[in-house]
Amino acid sequence: MPFRILDDALGAVGNTPLIRLDKVAKVNGLKCNLLGKVEFFSAGGSVKDRIAKAMVQAAEKEGKLIPGKSVVIEPTSGNTGIGLAMACAIKGYSVIITLPNKMSLEKEALLRALGAEVIRTPTEAAWDSPESHIGVAQKLQREIPYGIILDQYRNVNNPLAHEYTTGPEIIEAIESTPSTSARPSSGKVDVMVSAAGTGGTVTGLSRAIKKSHNKDCVIVGVDPKGSILALPVELNAVDEGSQYVVEGIGYDFIPDVLSHSDVTEWVKTSDDEAFTAVQTMMRQEGLLVGGSSGSALSGALAWLKTEAGQQIANTEGKNVVVLLADGIRNYMSKPWFLEIALEAKPSPLAGVISNILQKSPTVTANEEELPALVTSVHEESQRKRVPVPQTGSLDARVSGPAPVSH
């Protein structure tokens, strides 16, 4: 598509790249093509930009939003709220977001930066409790004049946004990429993997792919342990009700927009599996994805180890697409990210650097020059540090796999 001037940021929603995850595929012994639909390239930073745009535009068309009067209220894990706040900032609507306490500070900061009011609610509150993010939003809607909940959990434009945009983009990318001897392709989406929150993404993707592209596509839904979205229900029994850290996916109720009949199989994943997969994508593919993307990838890899999955995994040219919902921007203060970023096992290169800088005769840089060789990490990281003999008053330190900064 040729570059052109966009009328506003909503024109930059979607149209995200489909990227090969060849290194991840290789280390896991996959012969199939492993592809990531990378949604943090969207204007607001996540896949939820799409439904926010669709819901606002539909509400305007239906006369439900009144310029200068309407107040958009939405219970959200954050990303839908950010998408709505972006859309409403552009269009001039006031926004109130109700957000569970476990969601990151970055999300709240972004929401406030876009002009939204943010109310935090207890994470442990059941979805139908008056204290939950849903209950508080409903109370505000009842009492604020012109308040409206667009309701991502029930709004048909949630799955439709993915049926009309996300799915067709994936299909077009695969169909327009030729099969070669070096990179064989079936020319189809053979497996589609998506983590589920409201369920609108996996439902819409399934409909887009199965209706007009490949009716035999396997749709894999990924649900965090502690959530109850997966089927059969026995999958949820062991960890039902337990708390999980990963944000934006899983629920303690079944949203109306989730169509179980559109999902072929479900996989349950843990926080540890998700965050390990995040680190893998960062280190091996250079993709700065968020936690739920790690859930999706770990779920895909788990399914590919099943009997049915092995048939795909061992076939060259089969295309397995993983929806990577957002980026790390929203989670950089979270302990799980700081741990994988700042407390990772030191690389061999870190050892080489330490050995060089510990040889005091060779450390001749002065205070102005030494920072150009090594950068100190912030005090909160608690990283193991190797002290370097001081030159002047500067104590240079090197640790972990971080490269030297210049």
Protein backbone atom coordinates (compact mmCIF):
# COMPACT_ATOMS: atom_id res chain seq x y z
CA MET A 1 0.00 0.00 0.00
CA PRO A 2 1.50 3.39 -0.98
CA PHE A 3 2.22 5.91 1.75
CA ARG A 4 -0.33 8.70 2.04
CA ILE A 5 -1.28 11.46 4.44
CA LEU A 6 -3.68 10.21 7.13
CA ASP A 7 -6.51 12.36 8.41
CA ASP A 8 -5.81 11.39 12.03
CA ALA A 9 -4.26 8.67 14.20
CA LEU A 10 -7.26 6.37 13.69
CA GLY A 11 -6.06 5.92 10.13
CA ALA A 12 -2.98 4.24 11.57
CA VAL A 13 -4.96 1.60 13.44
CA GLY A 14 -4.29 -1.91 12.19
CA ASN A 15 -2.40 -2.82 9.02
CA THR A 16 0.21 -4.50 11.20
CA PRO A 17 2.97 -6.77 9.88
CA LEU A 18 3.02 -10.56 9.77
CA ILE A 19 6.58 -11.51 10.74
CA ARG A 20 8.39 -14.83 10.52
CA LEU A 21 9.51 -16.28 13.86
CA ASP A 22 12.17 -18.46 12.27
CA LYS A 23 14.57 -18.57 15.20
CA VAL A 24 11.84 -19.61 17.61
CA ALA A 25 10.71 -22.25 15.12
CA LYS A 26 14.23 -23.59 14.71
CA VAL A 27 15.00 -23.89 18.40
CA ASN A 28 11.73 -25.78 18.86
CA GLY A 29 12.39 -28.12 15.95
CA LEU A 30 9.48 -26.92 13.84
CA LYS A 31 9.42 -27.50 10.09
CA CYS A 32 6.26 -25.44 9.62
CA ASN A 33 6.24 -21.67 9.19
CA LEU A 34 5.73 -19.88 12.52
CA LEU A 35 4.41 -16.37 11.96
CA GLY A 36 3.57 -13.54 14.36
CA LYS A 37 0.86 -10.93 13.72
CA VAL A 38 2.53 -8.06 15.59
CA GLU A 39 -0.16 -5.72 16.88
CA PHE A 40 1.97 -3.26 18.83
CA PHE A 41 2.65 -1.53 15.51
CA SER A 42 -0.92 -0.21 15.60
CA ALA A 43 -1.37 3.48 16.51
CA GLY A 44 -2.42 2.90 20.11
CA GLY A 45 -0.08 -0.02 20.64
CA SER A 46 -2.36 -3.05 20.69
CA VAL A 47 -4.88 -5.23 18.90
CA LYS A 48 -7.62 -3.52 20.93
CA ASP A 49 -7.22 -0.32 18.89
CA ARG A 50 -9.25 -2.09 16.24
CA ILE A 51 -12.32 -2.73 18.37
CA ALA A 52 -12.15 0.70 20.00
CA LYS A 53 -12.23 2.36 16.59
CA ALA A 54 -15.01 0.06 15.37
CA MET A 55 -17.19 0.52 18.46
CA VAL A 56 -16.88 4.33 18.43
CA GLN A 57 -17.58 4.61 14.73
CA ALA A 58 -20.60 2.30 14.98
CA ALA A 59 -21.99 4.21 17.97
CA GLU A 60 -21.65 7.47 16.07
CA LYS A 61 -23.37 6.02 13.03
CA GLU A 62 -26.22 4.75 15.23
CA GLY A 63 -26.59 8.15 16.94
CA LYS A 64 -25.56 6.80 20.35
CA LEU A 65 -22.69 9.24 20.74
CA ILE A 66 -23.54 12.94 20.92
CA PRO A 67 -20.67 15.36 20.30
CA GLY A 68 -20.07 17.63 23.27
CA LYS A 69 -22.30 15.60 25.58
CA SER A 70 -21.53 11.88 25.58
CA VAL A 71 -19.25 10.40 28.21
CA VAL A 72 -17.75 7.08 27.16
CA ILE A 73 -17.37 4.71 30.12
CA GLU A 74 -15.62 1.37 29.76
CA PRO A 75 -14.47 -1.43 32.08
CA THR A 76 -11.21 -2.75 30.66
CA SER A 77 -7.89 -4.42 31.35
CA GLY A 78 -6.30 -1.36 29.79
CA ASN A 79 -5.71 -1.80 26.09
CA THR A 80 -9.32 -1.32 25.01
CA GLY A 81 -9.37 1.72 27.26
CA ILE A 82 -6.26 3.14 25.62
CA GLY A 83 -7.80 2.59 22.19
CA LEU A 84 -11.03 4.27 23.28
CA ALA A 85 -9.20 7.16 24.95
CA MET A 86 -7.22 7.71 21.75
CA ALA A 87 -10.35 7.64 19.59
CA CYS A 88 -12.27 9.90 21.96
CA ALA A 89 -9.39 12.38 22.23
CA ILE A 90 -9.54 12.71 18.46
CA LYS A 91 -13.31 12.95 18.32
CA GLY A 92 -13.87 15.07 21.40
CA TYR A 93 -15.68 12.75 23.81
CA SER A 94 -15.00 12.53 27.54
CA VAL A 95 -13.81 9.12 28.77
CA ILE A 96 -13.94 7.24 32.08
CA ILE A 97 -12.03 3.97 32.39
CA THR A 98 -12.52 1.49 35.24
CA LEU A 99 -9.39 -0.61 35.65
CA PRO A 100 -8.57 -3.51 38.01
CA ASN A 101 -5.71 -2.82 40.42
CA LYS A 102 -3.45 -5.50 38.97
CA MET A 103 -3.16 -3.69 35.66
CA SER A 104 0.07 -1.80 35.13
CA LEU A 105 0.84 1.76 36.11
CA GLU A 106 1.91 2.38 32.52
CA LYS A 107 -1.62 1.72 31.32
CA GLU A 108 -3.07 4.18 33.80
CA ALA A 109 -0.48 6.79 32.86
CA LEU A 110 -1.23 6.40 29.16
CA LEU A 111 -4.96 6.64 29.79
CA ARG A 112 -4.55 9.82 31.80
CA ALA A 113 -2.17 11.24 29.20
CA LEU A 114 -4.95 10.79 26.62
CA GLY A 115 -7.36 12.68 28.87
CA ALA A 116 -9.27 9.79 30.43
CA GLU A 117 -10.42 9.62 34.02
CA VAL A 118 -9.28 6.35 35.62
CA ILE A 119 -10.91 4.52 38.54
CA ARG A 120 -9.07 1.54 40.00
CA THR A 121 -11.08 -1.44 41.29
CA PRO A 122 -10.19 -4.53 43.38
CA THR A 123 -8.64 -7.26 41.23
CA GLU A 124 -10.22 -9.96 43.39
CA ALA A 125 -13.77 -8.62 42.96
CA ALA A 126 -16.00 -11.03 41.00
CA TRP A 127 -17.10 -9.70 37.63
CA ASP A 128 -20.74 -9.29 38.80
CA SER A 129 -19.81 -7.58 42.07
CA PRO A 130 -20.68 -3.87 42.48
CA GLU A 131 -17.02 -3.30 43.35
CA SER A 132 -15.65 -4.85 40.14
CA HIS A 133 -14.52 -2.78 37.18
CA ILE A 134 -17.74 -3.81 35.43
CA GLY A 135 -19.93 -2.99 38.43
CA VAL A 136 -18.35 0.42 38.96
CA ALA A 137 -18.69 1.28 35.28
CA GLN A 138 -22.37 0.37 35.38
CA LYS A 139 -22.94 2.56 38.45
CA LEU A 140 -21.25 5.52 36.78
CA GLN A 141 -23.25 4.99 33.60
CA ARG A 142 -26.51 5.07 35.55
CA GLU A 143 -25.69 8.33 37.29
CA ILE A 144 -23.70 10.39 34.76
CA PRO A 145 -25.81 12.23 32.17
CA TYR A 146 -25.13 11.01 28.64
CA GLY A 147 -22.89 8.26 30.00
CA ILE A 148 -22.58 5.29 27.66
CA ILE A 149 -20.80 1.93 27.99
CA LEU A 150 -19.80 0.66 24.56
CA ASP A 151 -19.28 -2.73 26.27
CA GLN A 152 -16.54 -4.73 24.60
CA TYR A 153 -17.89 -7.88 26.28
CA ARG A 154 -21.17 -7.75 24.35
CA ASN A 155 -20.60 -5.39 21.44
CA VAL A 156 -20.84 -7.20 18.11
CA ASN A 157 -18.31 -4.78 16.65
CA ASN A 158 -15.63 -6.45 18.79
CA PRO A 159 -15.47 -9.70 16.82
CA LEU A 160 -16.52 -7.90 13.63
CA ALA A 161 -13.44 -5.68 13.81
CA HIS A 162 -11.26 -8.78 13.58
CA GLU A 163 -13.44 -10.49 11.00
CA TYR A 164 -13.22 -7.40 8.78
CA THR A 165 -9.64 -6.24 9.43
CA THR A 166 -7.25 -8.47 11.40
CA GLY A 167 -8.24 -11.71 9.70
CA PRO A 168 -8.23 -10.35 6.13
CA GLU A 169 -4.81 -8.75 6.72
CA ILE A 170 -3.37 -12.12 7.77
CA ILE A 171 -4.98 -13.88 4.81
CA GLU A 172 -3.72 -11.27 2.35
CA ALA A 173 -0.18 -11.45 3.70
CA ILE A 174 -0.04 -15.23 3.34
CA GLU A 175 -1.74 -15.39 -0.04
CA SER A 176 0.47 -12.63 -1.48
CA THR A 177 3.72 -14.20 -0.29
CA PRO A 178 4.88 -16.71 -2.92
CA SER A 179 5.93 -20.22 -2.02
CA THR A 180 9.57 -20.90 -2.89
CA SER A 181 11.92 -23.83 -2.47
CA ALA A 182 13.69 -21.91 0.30
CA ARG A 183 10.46 -20.82 1.98
CA PRO A 184 7.63 -23.20 1.05
CA SER A 185 4.07 -22.19 1.89
CA SER A 186 0.68 -23.86 1.66
CA GLY A 187 -0.73 -20.47 0.71
CA LYS A 188 -3.23 -20.79 3.55
CA VAL A 189 -3.60 -20.06 7.24
CA ASP A 190 -3.38 -23.63 8.51
CA VAL A 191 -3.42 -22.82 12.24
CA MET A 192 -4.46 -19.58 13.97
CA VAL A 193 -3.51 -19.10 17.62
CA SER A 194 -4.86 -16.31 19.83
CA ALA A 195 -5.05 -15.77 23.56
CA ALA A 196 -8.57 -14.92 24.74
CA GLY A 197 -9.84 -12.12 26.96
CA THR A 198 -13.25 -10.99 25.80
CA GLY A 199 -12.88 -13.67 23.12
CA GLY A 200 -13.70 -11.22 20.35
CA THR A 201 -10.30 -11.55 18.70
CA VAL A 202 -10.23 -15.34 18.41
CA THR A 203 -13.91 -15.41 17.38
CA GLY A 204 -13.51 -12.79 14.67
CA LEU A 205 -10.29 -14.33 13.35
CA SER A 206 -11.94 -17.72 13.12
CA ARG A 207 -14.90 -16.38 11.16
CA ALA A 208 -12.69 -14.44 8.75
CA ILE A 209 -10.47 -17.42 8.01
CA LYS A 210 -13.04 -20.22 7.95
CA LYS A 211 -15.78 -18.45 5.99
CA SER A 212 -13.80 -17.47 2.93
CA HIS A 213 -10.25 -18.76 3.15
CA ASN A 214 -9.71 -22.17 4.78
CA LYS A 215 -12.60 -23.98 6.42
CA ASP A 216 -10.16 -26.56 7.76
CA CYS A 217 -8.01 -24.06 9.64
CA VAL A 218 -7.38 -25.09 13.24
CA ILE A 219 -8.27 -22.26 15.63
CA VAL A 220 -6.41 -22.53 18.94
CA GLY A 221 -7.60 -20.45 21.88
CA VAL A 222 -5.14 -19.80 24.70
CA ASP A 223 -6.45 -19.24 28.23
CA PRO A 224 -4.34 -18.50 31.33
CA LYS A 225 -4.48 -20.90 34.25
CA GLY A 226 -6.96 -19.46 36.74
CA SER A 227 -9.41 -18.36 34.03
CA ILE A 228 -12.53 -20.29 32.97
CA LEU A 229 -12.77 -19.53 29.24
CA ALA A 230 -11.39 -22.82 27.93
CA LEU A 231 -13.32 -25.90 26.91
CA PRO A 232 -13.81 -28.61 27.93
CA VAL A 233 -14.47 -27.19 31.39
CA GLU A 234 -12.23 -29.86 32.91
CA LEU A 235 -9.25 -27.87 31.58
CA ASN A 236 -10.11 -25.11 34.03
CA ALA A 237 -10.72 -27.26 37.10
CA VAL A 238 -7.20 -27.54 38.54
CA ASP A 239 -6.43 -23.82 38.78
CA GLU A 240 -9.89 -22.28 38.70
CA GLY A 241 -10.03 -19.04 40.64
CA SER A 242 -6.30 -18.77 41.19
CA GLN A 243 -4.70 -15.41 40.50
CA TYR A 244 -2.45 -14.91 37.50
CA VAL A 245 -0.14 -12.02 36.66
CA VAL A 246 -0.47 -11.82 32.87
CA GLU A 247 -2.80 -9.00 31.87
CA GLY A 248 -5.58 -8.62 29.33
CA ILE A 249 -6.61 -12.25 28.91
CA GLY A 250 -8.76 -14.69 30.84
CA TYR A 251 -11.90 -14.04 32.88
CA ASP A 252 -14.09 -15.48 35.62
CA PHE A 253 -17.13 -15.36 33.30
CA ILE A 254 -17.85 -16.08 29.64
CA PRO A 255 -18.23 -12.84 27.64
CA ASP A 256 -21.07 -12.79 25.11
CA VAL A 257 -18.70 -12.07 22.20
CA LEU A 258 -16.79 -15.31 22.73
CA SER A 259 -18.19 -18.01 20.47
CA HIS A 260 -16.85 -21.36 21.65
CA SER A 261 -18.10 -23.01 18.47
CA ASP A 262 -15.58 -20.95 16.50
CA VAL A 263 -12.61 -22.30 18.48
CA THR A 264 -11.25 -25.74 17.55
CA GLU A 265 -9.08 -26.40 20.60
CA TRP A 266 -7.99 -24.71 23.82
CA VAL A 267 -4.64 -24.64 25.60
CA LYS A 268 -4.00 -23.47 29.17
CA THR A 269 -0.78 -21.59 29.95
CA SER A 270 1.00 -20.37 33.09
CA ASP A 271 2.62 -17.04 33.90
CA ASP A 272 6.07 -18.62 33.84
CA GLU A 273 5.49 -20.06 30.38
CA ALA A 274 4.22 -16.71 29.12
CA PHE A 275 7.12 -14.66 30.45
CA THR A 276 9.71 -17.16 29.25
CA ALA A 277 8.19 -16.90 25.78
CA VAL A 278 8.31 -13.09 25.98
CA GLN A 279 12.03 -13.24 26.74
CA THR A 280 12.54 -15.69 23.89
CA MET A 281 10.85 -13.40 21.38
CA MET A 282 12.85 -10.42 22.59
CA ARG A 283 16.22 -12.15 22.56
CA GLN A 284 15.76 -14.26 19.45
CA GLU A 285 13.39 -12.25 17.26
CA GLY A 286 13.90 -8.70 18.50
CA LEU A 287 10.18 -8.30 19.17
CA LEU A 288 9.32 -6.27 22.27
CA VAL A 289 6.01 -7.96 23.02
CA GLY A 290 3.83 -7.97 26.12
CA GLY A 291 2.87 -10.79 28.47
CA SER A 292 -0.24 -12.04 26.68
CA SER A 293 1.82 -12.42 23.50
CA GLY A 294 4.02 -14.77 25.49
CA SER A 295 0.89 -16.68 26.50
CA ALA A 296 -0.12 -16.98 22.86
CA LEU A 297 3.31 -18.19 21.73
CA SER A 298 3.72 -20.66 24.59
CA GLY A 299 0.22 -21.93 23.87
CA ALA A 300 1.05 -22.36 20.19
CA LEU A 301 4.22 -24.29 21.00
CA ALA A 302 2.35 -26.48 23.48
CA TRP A 303 -0.35 -27.28 20.91
CA LEU A 304 2.25 -28.08 18.25
CA LYS A 305 3.54 -30.81 20.57
CA THR A 306 0.16 -32.56 20.68
CA GLU A 307 -0.65 -35.42 18.34
CA ALA A 308 -2.67 -33.19 16.03
CA GLY A 309 -0.14 -30.41 16.31
CA GLN A 310 2.77 -32.65 15.39
CA GLN A 311 1.25 -33.26 11.97
CA ILE A 312 1.42 -29.52 11.34
CA ALA A 313 4.75 -28.96 13.08
CA ASN A 314 6.50 -31.58 10.96
CA THR A 315 5.13 -30.39 7.61
CA GLU A 316 7.10 -27.84 5.63
CA GLY A 317 4.97 -25.05 4.25
CA LYS A 318 2.19 -25.22 6.83
CA ASN A 319 1.48 -21.76 8.21
CA VAL A 320 0.93 -21.29 11.93
CA VAL A 321 -0.03 -17.71 12.83
CA VAL A 322 0.22 -16.39 16.40
CA LEU A 323 -1.58 -13.18 17.36
CA LEU A 324 0.84 -10.99 19.37
CA ALA A 325 -1.59 -8.59 21.01
CA ASP A 326 0.56 -5.79 22.39
CA GLY A 327 4.07 -4.59 23.23
CA ILE A 328 6.22 -4.26 26.32
CA ARG A 329 5.52 -0.52 26.64
CA ASN A 330 2.66 -1.24 29.05
CA TYR A 331 4.65 -3.49 31.39
CA MET A 332 8.13 -2.03 31.85
CA SER A 333 7.69 -1.44 35.59
CA LYS A 334 6.31 -4.90 36.25
CA PRO A 335 8.53 -7.22 38.35
CA TRP A 336 8.30 -10.02 35.79
CA PHE A 337 9.73 -7.78 33.07
CA LEU A 338 12.43 -6.26 35.28
CA GLU A 339 13.47 -9.78 36.22
CA ILE A 340 13.91 -11.00 32.65
CA ALA A 341 15.48 -7.73 31.54
CA LEU A 342 17.79 -6.93 34.44
CA GLU A 343 18.35 -10.18 36.31
CA ALA A 344 19.02 -12.54 33.43
CA LYS A 345 22.00 -14.87 33.55
CA PRO A 346 25.13 -12.93 32.54
CA SER A 347 26.24 -13.57 28.98
CA PRO A 348 29.77 -14.69 28.04
CA LEU A 349 30.34 -11.17 26.74
CA ALA A 350 29.56 -9.72 30.18
CA GLY A 351 32.30 -11.92 31.58
CA VAL A 352 34.76 -10.68 28.97
CA ILE A 353 33.91 -7.07 29.79
CA SER A 354 34.31 -7.68 33.51
CA ASN A 355 37.68 -9.33 33.03
CA ILE A 356 38.93 -6.44 30.91
CA LEU A 357 37.74 -3.76 33.31
CA GLN A 358 39.06 -5.57 36.40
CA LYS A 359 42.61 -5.35 35.09
CA SER A 360 43.45 -2.12 36.86
CA PRO A 361 46.55 -1.29 34.79
CA THR A 362 44.39 -1.21 31.64
CA VAL A 363 41.63 0.88 33.14
CA THR A 364 42.90 4.35 32.37
CA ALA A 365 39.69 6.18 31.52
CA ASN A 366 38.88 9.23 33.57
CA GLU A 367 35.49 10.21 34.95
CA GLU A 368 34.38 11.75 31.68
CA GLU A 369 35.48 8.82 29.52
CA LEU A 370 34.47 5.80 31.57
CA PRO A 371 30.69 6.28 31.26
CA ALA A 372 31.17 5.90 27.52
CA LEU A 373 32.37 2.36 28.22
CA VAL A 374 29.81 1.17 30.73
CA THR A 375 26.45 2.48 31.93
CA SER A 376 25.24 1.94 35.46
CA VAL A 377 21.82 0.42 36.01
CA HIS A 378 19.22 2.04 38.22
CA GLU A 379 19.33 1.27 41.93
CA GLU A 380 16.07 -0.70 41.97
CA SER A 381 17.29 -3.50 39.74
CA GLN A 382 19.09 -5.51 42.48
CA ARG A 383 21.38 -6.93 39.81
CA LYS A 384 24.56 -8.72 40.76
CA ARG A 385 27.35 -6.31 39.93
CA VAL A 386 31.05 -6.79 39.41
CA PRO A 387 32.99 -3.86 40.92
CA VAL A 388 35.70 -2.32 38.78
CA PRO A 389 38.75 -0.66 40.33
CA GLN A 390 37.96 3.01 40.69
CA THR A 391 39.51 5.74 38.61
CA GLY A 392 39.01 9.05 40.30
CA SER A 393 35.71 8.84 42.14
CA LEU A 394 33.78 6.74 39.64
CA ASP A 395 32.94 3.10 40.42
CA ALA A 396 32.07 1.45 37.09
CA ARG A 397 29.96 -1.69 37.18
CA VAL A 398 29.05 -4.32 34.63
CA SER A 399 26.48 -7.09 34.99
CA GLY A 400 24.00 -9.20 33.09
CA PRO A 401 23.85 -9.52 29.34
CA ALA A 402 23.46 -5.81 28.61
CA PRO A 403 25.86 -4.51 25.97
CA VAL A 404 28.24 -1.64 26.54
CA SER A 405 26.58 1.69 25.78
CA HIS A 406 28.26 4.48 23.82
